[in-house]
């Protein structure tokens, strides 16, 4: 099921971004921004089938990470200005940042697994030591 502004390749990108732990709305918004030099939140909503609050939350996250910049476009007459968004850095740099984050996560997982292995091996040593103590005590009682 491809969204209105997305092809299969875009959907694959969204899936890959989500597999890094990125929320769906952020992944879709980022994938769409990659294709446009500048766009509005309404265009993102229509093209990605995201609701306005989902786009707003995604933009907050992308701006917090300094991946997106916002520009106000004055409307004629009264009312709130329209916001235009664009990537603040090249998409390749964003992928490099994600790669660094994923490598840190992998490192942390590997450290955790190693600690678990150490814990288990030290626990099994403690168990065999206590078994030896128990056997030695039994032998002393028999003698």
N, C-alpha and C. Protein backbone atom coordinates (compact mmCIF):
# COMPACT_ATOMS: atom_id res chain seq x y z
N UNK A 1 0.85 -1.18 0.00
CA UNK A 1 0.00 0.00 0.00
C UNK A 1 0.90 1.24 0.00
N UNK A 2 1.02 1.88 -1.12
CA UNK A 2 1.84 3.09 -1.19
C UNK A 2 0.95 4.30 -0.97
N UNK A 3 1.52 5.30 -0.31
CA UNK A 3 0.78 6.53 -0.06
C UNK A 3 0.76 7.36 -1.35
N UNK A 4 -0.03 8.41 -1.36
CA UNK A 4 -0.21 9.21 -2.57
C UNK A 4 1.10 9.76 -3.13
N UNK A 5 1.99 10.26 -2.27
CA UNK A 5 3.23 10.85 -2.75
C UNK A 5 4.41 9.90 -2.69
N UNK A 6 4.15 8.64 -2.36
CA UNK A 6 5.23 7.68 -2.15
C UNK A 6 5.18 6.56 -3.18
N UNK A 7 6.36 6.15 -3.64
CA UNK A 7 6.45 4.95 -4.47
C UNK A 7 7.01 3.83 -3.59
N UNK A 8 7.23 2.67 -4.18
CA UNK A 8 7.72 1.51 -3.42
C UNK A 8 9.07 1.80 -2.77
N UNK A 9 9.93 2.52 -3.49
CA UNK A 9 11.27 2.85 -2.97
C UNK A 9 11.15 3.73 -1.72
N UNK A 10 10.22 4.70 -1.76
CA UNK A 10 10.00 5.56 -0.60
C UNK A 10 9.48 4.76 0.59
N UNK A 11 8.57 3.83 0.31
CA UNK A 11 8.02 2.98 1.38
C UNK A 11 9.11 2.12 2.00
N UNK A 12 10.04 1.64 1.16
CA UNK A 12 11.16 0.85 1.67
C UNK A 12 12.03 1.71 2.59
N UNK A 13 12.28 2.95 2.17
CA UNK A 13 13.06 3.87 3.00
C UNK A 13 12.38 4.08 4.35
N UNK A 14 11.07 4.27 4.33
CA UNK A 14 10.32 4.46 5.58
C UNK A 14 10.49 3.24 6.48
N UNK A 15 10.36 2.05 5.91
CA UNK A 15 10.52 0.81 6.69
C UNK A 15 11.92 0.71 7.29
N UNK A 16 12.93 1.06 6.50
CA UNK A 16 14.32 1.00 6.99
C UNK A 16 14.54 2.00 8.13
N UNK A 17 14.00 3.20 7.98
CA UNK A 17 14.14 4.21 9.04
C UNK A 17 13.42 3.74 10.31
N UNK A 18 12.25 3.16 10.14
CA UNK A 18 11.49 2.67 11.29
C UNK A 18 12.23 1.52 11.98
N UNK A 19 12.97 0.73 11.22
CA UNK A 19 13.70 -0.39 11.84
C UNK A 19 14.83 0.10 12.74
N UNK A 20 15.19 1.37 12.64
CA UNK A 20 16.18 1.95 13.56
C UNK A 20 15.53 2.47 14.83
N UNK A 21 14.22 2.35 14.92
CA UNK A 21 13.50 2.83 16.09
C UNK A 21 12.83 4.18 15.86
N UNK A 22 12.95 4.70 14.66
CA UNK A 22 12.34 5.99 14.34
C UNK A 22 10.82 5.81 14.24
N UNK A 23 10.05 6.69 14.87
CA UNK A 23 8.59 6.59 14.76
C UNK A 23 8.12 6.73 13.30
N UNK A 24 7.02 6.08 12.99
CA UNK A 24 6.48 6.05 11.62
C UNK A 24 6.26 7.45 11.06
N UNK A 25 5.67 8.36 11.86
CA UNK A 25 5.39 9.70 11.34
C UNK A 25 6.67 10.46 11.03
N UNK A 26 7.70 10.27 11.84
CA UNK A 26 8.99 10.95 11.61
C UNK A 26 9.64 10.36 10.36
N UNK A 27 9.61 9.04 10.24
CA UNK A 27 10.21 8.36 9.09
C UNK A 27 9.53 8.80 7.78
N UNK A 28 8.20 8.84 7.78
CA UNK A 28 7.47 9.24 6.57
C UNK A 28 7.76 10.70 6.21
N UNK A 29 7.77 11.55 7.23
CA UNK A 29 8.02 12.97 6.98
C UNK A 29 9.44 13.17 6.43
N UNK A 30 10.39 12.50 7.03
CA UNK A 30 11.78 12.62 6.58
C UNK A 30 11.94 12.10 5.15
N UNK A 31 11.32 10.96 4.86
CA UNK A 31 11.40 10.39 3.51
C UNK A 31 10.78 11.36 2.49
N UNK A 32 9.69 12.02 2.85
CA UNK A 32 9.06 12.96 1.94
C UNK A 32 9.94 14.22 1.74
N UNK A 33 10.48 14.73 2.84
CA UNK A 33 11.34 15.93 2.75
C UNK A 33 12.56 15.68 1.88
N UNK A 34 13.02 14.46 1.87
CA UNK A 34 14.18 14.10 1.05
C UNK A 34 13.92 14.38 -0.43
N UNK A 35 12.67 14.27 -0.84
CA UNK A 35 12.31 14.40 -2.26
C UNK A 35 12.05 15.84 -2.70
N UNK A 36 11.91 16.76 -1.74
CA UNK A 36 11.50 18.12 -2.07
C UNK A 36 12.52 19.14 -1.58
N UNK A 37 12.80 20.17 -2.38
CA UNK A 37 13.70 21.21 -1.88
C UNK A 37 13.05 21.98 -0.72
N UNK A 38 11.73 22.16 -0.79
CA UNK A 38 10.97 22.84 0.27
C UNK A 38 9.52 22.42 0.14
N UNK A 39 8.85 22.30 1.28
CA UNK A 39 7.45 21.87 1.25
C UNK A 39 6.70 22.44 2.46
N UNK A 40 5.40 22.30 2.45
CA UNK A 40 4.57 22.76 3.56
C UNK A 40 4.03 21.55 4.32
N UNK A 41 3.56 21.79 5.52
CA UNK A 41 3.00 20.70 6.32
C UNK A 41 1.75 20.13 5.64
N UNK A 42 0.98 20.98 4.98
CA UNK A 42 -0.24 20.49 4.29
C UNK A 42 0.16 19.53 3.17
N UNK A 43 1.20 19.87 2.43
CA UNK A 43 1.66 18.99 1.35
C UNK A 43 2.17 17.66 1.92
N UNK A 44 2.83 17.72 3.05
CA UNK A 44 3.31 16.50 3.70
C UNK A 44 2.12 15.64 4.13
N UNK A 45 1.12 16.28 4.73
CA UNK A 45 -0.07 15.56 5.18
C UNK A 45 -0.74 14.84 4.01
N UNK A 46 -0.96 15.56 2.92
CA UNK A 46 -1.66 14.99 1.76
C UNK A 46 -0.84 13.86 1.13
N UNK A 47 0.45 14.06 1.00
CA UNK A 47 1.31 13.10 0.29
C UNK A 47 1.64 11.87 1.11
N UNK A 48 1.66 11.98 2.43
CA UNK A 48 2.06 10.85 3.27
C UNK A 48 0.88 10.19 3.98
N UNK A 49 -0.29 10.78 3.87
CA UNK A 49 -1.50 10.30 4.56
C UNK A 49 -1.34 10.37 6.08
N UNK A 50 -0.52 11.32 6.54
CA UNK A 50 -0.40 11.57 7.97
C UNK A 50 -1.38 12.68 8.35
N UNK A 51 -1.86 12.65 9.59
CA UNK A 51 -2.74 13.71 10.07
C UNK A 51 -1.90 14.90 10.52
N UNK A 52 -2.52 16.06 10.63
CA UNK A 52 -1.82 17.29 11.00
C UNK A 52 -1.03 17.15 12.31
N UNK A 53 -1.62 16.57 13.38
CA UNK A 53 -0.84 16.44 14.61
C UNK A 53 0.39 15.53 14.45
N UNK A 54 0.26 14.49 13.61
CA UNK A 54 1.39 13.60 13.38
C UNK A 54 2.54 14.32 12.67
N UNK A 55 2.20 15.16 11.70
CA UNK A 55 3.22 15.93 10.99
C UNK A 55 3.84 16.95 11.93
N UNK A 56 3.01 17.58 12.74
CA UNK A 56 3.50 18.58 13.69
C UNK A 56 4.50 17.96 14.67
N UNK A 57 4.17 16.80 15.21
CA UNK A 57 5.06 16.11 16.15
C UNK A 57 6.35 15.68 15.44
N UNK A 58 6.21 15.18 14.21
CA UNK A 58 7.39 14.78 13.43
C UNK A 58 8.31 15.98 13.20
N UNK A 59 7.71 17.12 12.85
CA UNK A 59 8.51 18.32 12.60
C UNK A 59 9.22 18.79 13.86
N UNK A 60 8.56 18.70 14.99
CA UNK A 60 9.21 19.08 16.25
C UNK A 60 10.45 18.24 16.47
N UNK A 61 10.33 16.93 16.25
CA UNK A 61 11.47 16.03 16.44
C UNK A 61 12.58 16.31 15.43
N UNK A 62 12.22 16.50 14.18
CA UNK A 62 13.22 16.76 13.14
C UNK A 62 13.92 18.10 13.36
N UNK A 63 13.19 19.09 13.84
CA UNK A 63 13.80 20.39 14.15
C UNK A 63 14.66 20.29 15.40
N UNK A 64 14.23 19.51 16.39
CA UNK A 64 15.02 19.31 17.60
C UNK A 64 16.38 18.70 17.26
N UNK A 65 16.36 17.80 16.30
CA UNK A 65 17.61 17.15 15.87
C UNK A 65 18.40 18.02 14.90
N UNK A 66 17.85 19.16 14.56
CA UNK A 66 18.48 20.12 13.63
C UNK A 66 18.65 19.54 12.23
N UNK A 67 17.69 18.70 11.84
CA UNK A 67 17.70 18.11 10.51
C UNK A 67 16.81 18.90 9.55
N UNK A 68 15.91 19.73 10.11
CA UNK A 68 14.94 20.47 9.31
C UNK A 68 14.90 21.92 9.78
N UNK A 69 14.72 22.82 8.82
CA UNK A 69 14.52 24.23 9.16
C UNK A 69 13.11 24.64 8.73
N UNK A 70 12.60 25.65 9.43
CA UNK A 70 11.24 26.15 9.16
C UNK A 70 11.33 27.60 8.74
N UNK A 71 10.51 27.94 7.75
CA UNK A 71 10.43 29.32 7.28
C UNK A 71 8.94 29.69 7.21
N UNK A 72 8.61 30.88 7.72
CA UNK A 72 7.22 31.34 7.65
C UNK A 72 6.98 32.03 6.31
N UNK A 73 5.86 31.66 5.69
CA UNK A 73 5.43 32.30 4.45
C UNK A 73 4.21 33.13 4.78
N UNK A 74 4.31 34.43 4.55
CA UNK A 74 3.17 35.32 4.85
C UNK A 74 2.01 35.03 3.91
N UNK A 75 0.83 34.95 4.50
CA UNK A 75 -0.38 34.79 3.69
C UNK A 75 -0.96 36.18 3.45
N UNK A 76 -1.69 36.31 2.37
CA UNK A 76 -2.39 37.58 2.13
C UNK A 76 -3.53 37.67 3.12
N UNK A 77 -3.72 38.84 3.67
CA UNK A 77 -4.78 39.04 4.63
C UNK A 77 -4.37 38.55 6.01
N UNK A 78 -5.38 38.26 6.81
CA UNK A 78 -5.12 37.85 8.19
C UNK A 78 -4.96 36.35 8.27
N UNK A 79 -4.57 35.91 9.45
CA UNK A 79 -4.43 34.47 9.69
C UNK A 79 -3.00 34.08 9.97
N UNK A 80 -2.87 32.86 10.33
CA UNK A 80 -1.55 32.35 10.68
C UNK A 80 -0.72 32.17 9.41
N UNK A 81 0.59 32.38 9.54
CA UNK A 81 1.44 32.16 8.36
C UNK A 81 1.56 30.67 8.06
N UNK A 82 1.87 30.38 6.83
CA UNK A 82 2.11 29.00 6.43
C UNK A 82 3.59 28.71 6.68
N UNK A 83 3.89 27.52 7.15
CA UNK A 83 5.27 27.15 7.41
C UNK A 83 5.82 26.33 6.24
N UNK A 84 7.00 26.71 5.80
CA UNK A 84 7.69 25.93 4.77
C UNK A 84 8.86 25.23 5.45
N UNK A 85 9.07 23.98 5.08
CA UNK A 85 10.12 23.17 5.69
C UNK A 85 11.08 22.66 4.63
N UNK A 86 12.33 22.50 5.05
CA UNK A 86 13.35 21.91 4.18
C UNK A 86 14.38 21.22 5.04
N UNK A 87 15.11 20.30 4.43
CA UNK A 87 16.19 19.64 5.16
C UNK A 87 17.28 20.68 5.45
N UNK A 88 17.78 20.69 6.66
CA UNK A 88 18.82 21.64 7.06
C UNK A 88 20.21 21.13 6.68
N UNK A 89 20.33 19.82 6.54
CA UNK A 89 21.60 19.21 6.16
C UNK A 89 21.30 18.17 5.08
N UNK A 90 22.30 17.78 4.31
CA UNK A 90 22.05 16.76 3.28
C UNK A 90 21.56 15.45 3.90
N UNK A 91 20.72 14.77 3.16
CA UNK A 91 20.13 13.52 3.65
C UNK A 91 21.23 12.51 4.01
N UNK A 92 22.32 12.51 3.27
CA UNK A 92 23.42 11.59 3.54
C UNK A 92 23.99 11.81 4.94
N UNK A 93 24.04 13.07 5.39
CA UNK A 93 24.54 13.39 6.74
C UNK A 93 23.57 12.85 7.80
N UNK A 94 22.29 12.91 7.50
CA UNK A 94 21.29 12.37 8.43
C UNK A 94 21.50 10.86 8.56
N UNK A 95 21.73 10.19 7.44
CA UNK A 95 21.96 8.75 7.46
C UNK A 95 23.25 8.44 8.24
N UNK A 96 24.27 9.27 8.09
CA UNK A 96 25.52 9.08 8.85
C UNK A 96 25.24 9.18 10.36
N UNK A 97 24.41 10.13 10.75
CA UNK A 97 24.06 10.29 12.16
C UNK A 97 23.31 9.06 12.66
N UNK A 98 22.37 8.59 11.86
CA UNK A 98 21.61 7.39 12.24
C UNK A 98 22.56 6.20 12.36
N UNK A 99 23.50 6.10 11.42
CA UNK A 99 24.46 5.00 11.46
C UNK A 99 25.27 5.03 12.76
N UNK A 100 25.74 6.22 13.16
CA UNK A 100 26.50 6.35 14.41
C UNK A 100 25.65 5.91 15.60
N UNK A 101 24.39 6.34 15.62
CA UNK A 101 23.49 5.98 16.71
C UNK A 101 23.27 4.47 16.76
N UNK A 102 23.10 3.87 15.59
CA UNK A 102 22.88 2.42 15.54
C UNK A 102 24.12 1.66 15.99
N UNK A 103 25.30 2.14 15.59
CA UNK A 103 26.55 1.49 16.01
C UNK A 103 26.72 1.57 17.53
N UNK A 104 26.34 2.72 18.13
CA UNK A 104 26.40 2.85 19.59
C UNK A 104 25.45 1.85 20.24
N UNK A 105 24.27 1.70 19.66
CA UNK A 105 23.29 0.74 20.18
C UNK A 105 23.84 -0.68 20.12
N UNK A 106 24.45 -1.02 18.99
CA UNK A 106 25.04 -2.35 18.83
C UNK A 106 26.13 -2.57 19.88
N UNK A 107 26.97 -1.56 20.06
CA UNK A 107 28.05 -1.63 21.05
C UNK A 107 27.48 -1.91 22.44
N UNK A 108 26.41 -1.18 22.78
CA UNK A 108 25.78 -1.33 24.08
C UNK A 108 25.20 -2.74 24.25
N UNK A 109 24.59 -3.25 23.20
CA UNK A 109 24.02 -4.60 23.24
C UNK A 109 25.13 -5.63 23.44
N UNK A 110 26.23 -5.46 22.70
CA UNK A 110 27.36 -6.38 22.84
C UNK A 110 27.94 -6.34 24.25
N UNK A 111 28.07 -5.15 24.82
CA UNK A 111 28.56 -5.02 26.20
C UNK A 111 27.63 -5.74 27.17
N UNK A 112 26.34 -5.56 26.96
CA UNK A 112 25.34 -6.18 27.82
C UNK A 112 25.44 -7.71 27.74
N UNK A 113 25.56 -8.24 26.52
CA UNK A 113 25.67 -9.68 26.34
C UNK A 113 26.94 -10.20 27.01
N UNK A 114 28.04 -9.49 26.86
CA UNK A 114 29.30 -9.90 27.50
C UNK A 114 29.16 -9.90 29.02
N UNK A 115 28.51 -8.88 29.57
CA UNK A 115 28.30 -8.82 31.02
C UNK A 115 27.42 -9.99 31.48
N UNK A 116 26.41 -10.30 30.69
CA UNK A 116 25.55 -11.44 31.03
C UNK A 116 26.35 -12.74 31.05
N UNK A 117 27.21 -12.92 30.04
CA UNK A 117 28.05 -14.12 29.98
C UNK A 117 28.98 -14.19 31.19
N UNK A 118 29.59 -13.06 31.54
CA UNK A 118 30.48 -13.02 32.70
C UNK A 118 29.71 -13.35 33.98
N UNK A 119 28.52 -12.79 34.09
CA UNK A 119 27.70 -13.03 35.27
C UNK A 119 27.37 -14.51 35.39
N UNK A 120 26.96 -15.11 34.29
CA UNK A 120 26.58 -16.52 34.30
C UNK A 120 27.80 -17.39 34.63
N UNK A 121 28.96 -17.09 34.03
CA UNK A 121 30.14 -17.91 34.31
C UNK A 121 30.60 -17.74 35.76
N UNK A 122 30.50 -16.52 36.30
CA UNK A 122 30.87 -16.34 37.71
C UNK A 122 29.84 -16.97 38.63
N UNK A 123 28.58 -16.98 38.23
CA UNK A 123 27.54 -17.63 39.02
C UNK A 123 27.73 -19.13 39.03
N UNK A 124 28.09 -19.72 37.89
CA UNK A 124 28.28 -21.17 37.84
C UNK A 124 29.52 -21.56 38.63
N UNK A 125 30.54 -20.69 38.66
CA UNK A 125 31.73 -20.95 39.49
C UNK A 125 31.33 -20.93 40.97
N UNK A 126 30.49 -19.98 41.34
CA UNK A 126 30.03 -19.88 42.74
C UNK A 126 29.24 -21.11 43.12
N UNK A 127 28.42 -21.58 42.20
CA UNK A 127 27.60 -22.76 42.47
C UNK A 127 28.50 -23.97 42.66
N UNK A 128 29.49 -24.17 41.79
CA UNK A 128 30.36 -25.34 41.94
C UNK A 128 31.22 -25.21 43.19
N UNK A 129 31.61 -23.99 43.58
CA UNK A 129 32.36 -23.80 44.83
C UNK A 129 31.51 -24.19 46.03
N UNK A 130 30.25 -23.76 46.02
CA UNK A 130 29.38 -24.09 47.16
C UNK A 130 29.07 -25.58 47.18
N UNK A 131 29.00 -26.22 46.01
CA UNK A 131 28.81 -27.67 45.98
C UNK A 131 30.03 -28.36 46.59
N UNK A 132 31.22 -27.88 46.27
CA UNK A 132 32.46 -28.44 46.82
C UNK A 132 32.48 -28.28 48.33
N UNK A 133 32.08 -27.12 48.83
CA UNK A 133 32.05 -26.87 50.26
C UNK A 133 31.09 -27.85 50.93
N UNK A 134 29.93 -28.02 50.31
CA UNK A 134 28.95 -28.95 50.85
C UNK A 134 29.48 -30.38 50.88
N UNK A 135 30.17 -30.80 49.82
CA UNK A 135 30.74 -32.15 49.74
C UNK A 135 31.83 -32.32 50.79
N UNK A 136 32.67 -31.30 50.97
CA UNK A 136 33.75 -31.36 51.95
C UNK A 136 33.15 -31.46 53.36
N UNK A 137 32.07 -30.71 53.63
CA UNK A 137 31.44 -30.78 54.95
C UNK A 137 30.86 -32.17 55.20
N UNK A 138 30.25 -32.74 54.18
CA UNK A 138 29.68 -34.09 54.32
C UNK A 138 30.77 -35.10 54.61
N UNK A 139 31.91 -34.98 53.90
CA UNK A 139 33.01 -35.90 54.10
C UNK A 139 33.57 -35.77 55.51
N UNK A 140 33.65 -34.55 56.07
CA UNK A 140 34.17 -34.34 57.41
C UNK A 140 33.25 -34.98 58.43
N UNK A 141 31.93 -34.88 58.19
CA UNK A 141 30.99 -35.45 59.13
C UNK A 141 31.07 -36.97 59.14
N UNK A 142 31.33 -37.57 57.98
CA UNK A 142 31.41 -39.01 57.87
C UNK A 142 32.68 -39.52 58.58
N UNK A 143 33.76 -38.80 58.54
CA UNK A 143 35.03 -39.24 59.11
C UNK A 143 35.02 -39.17 60.58
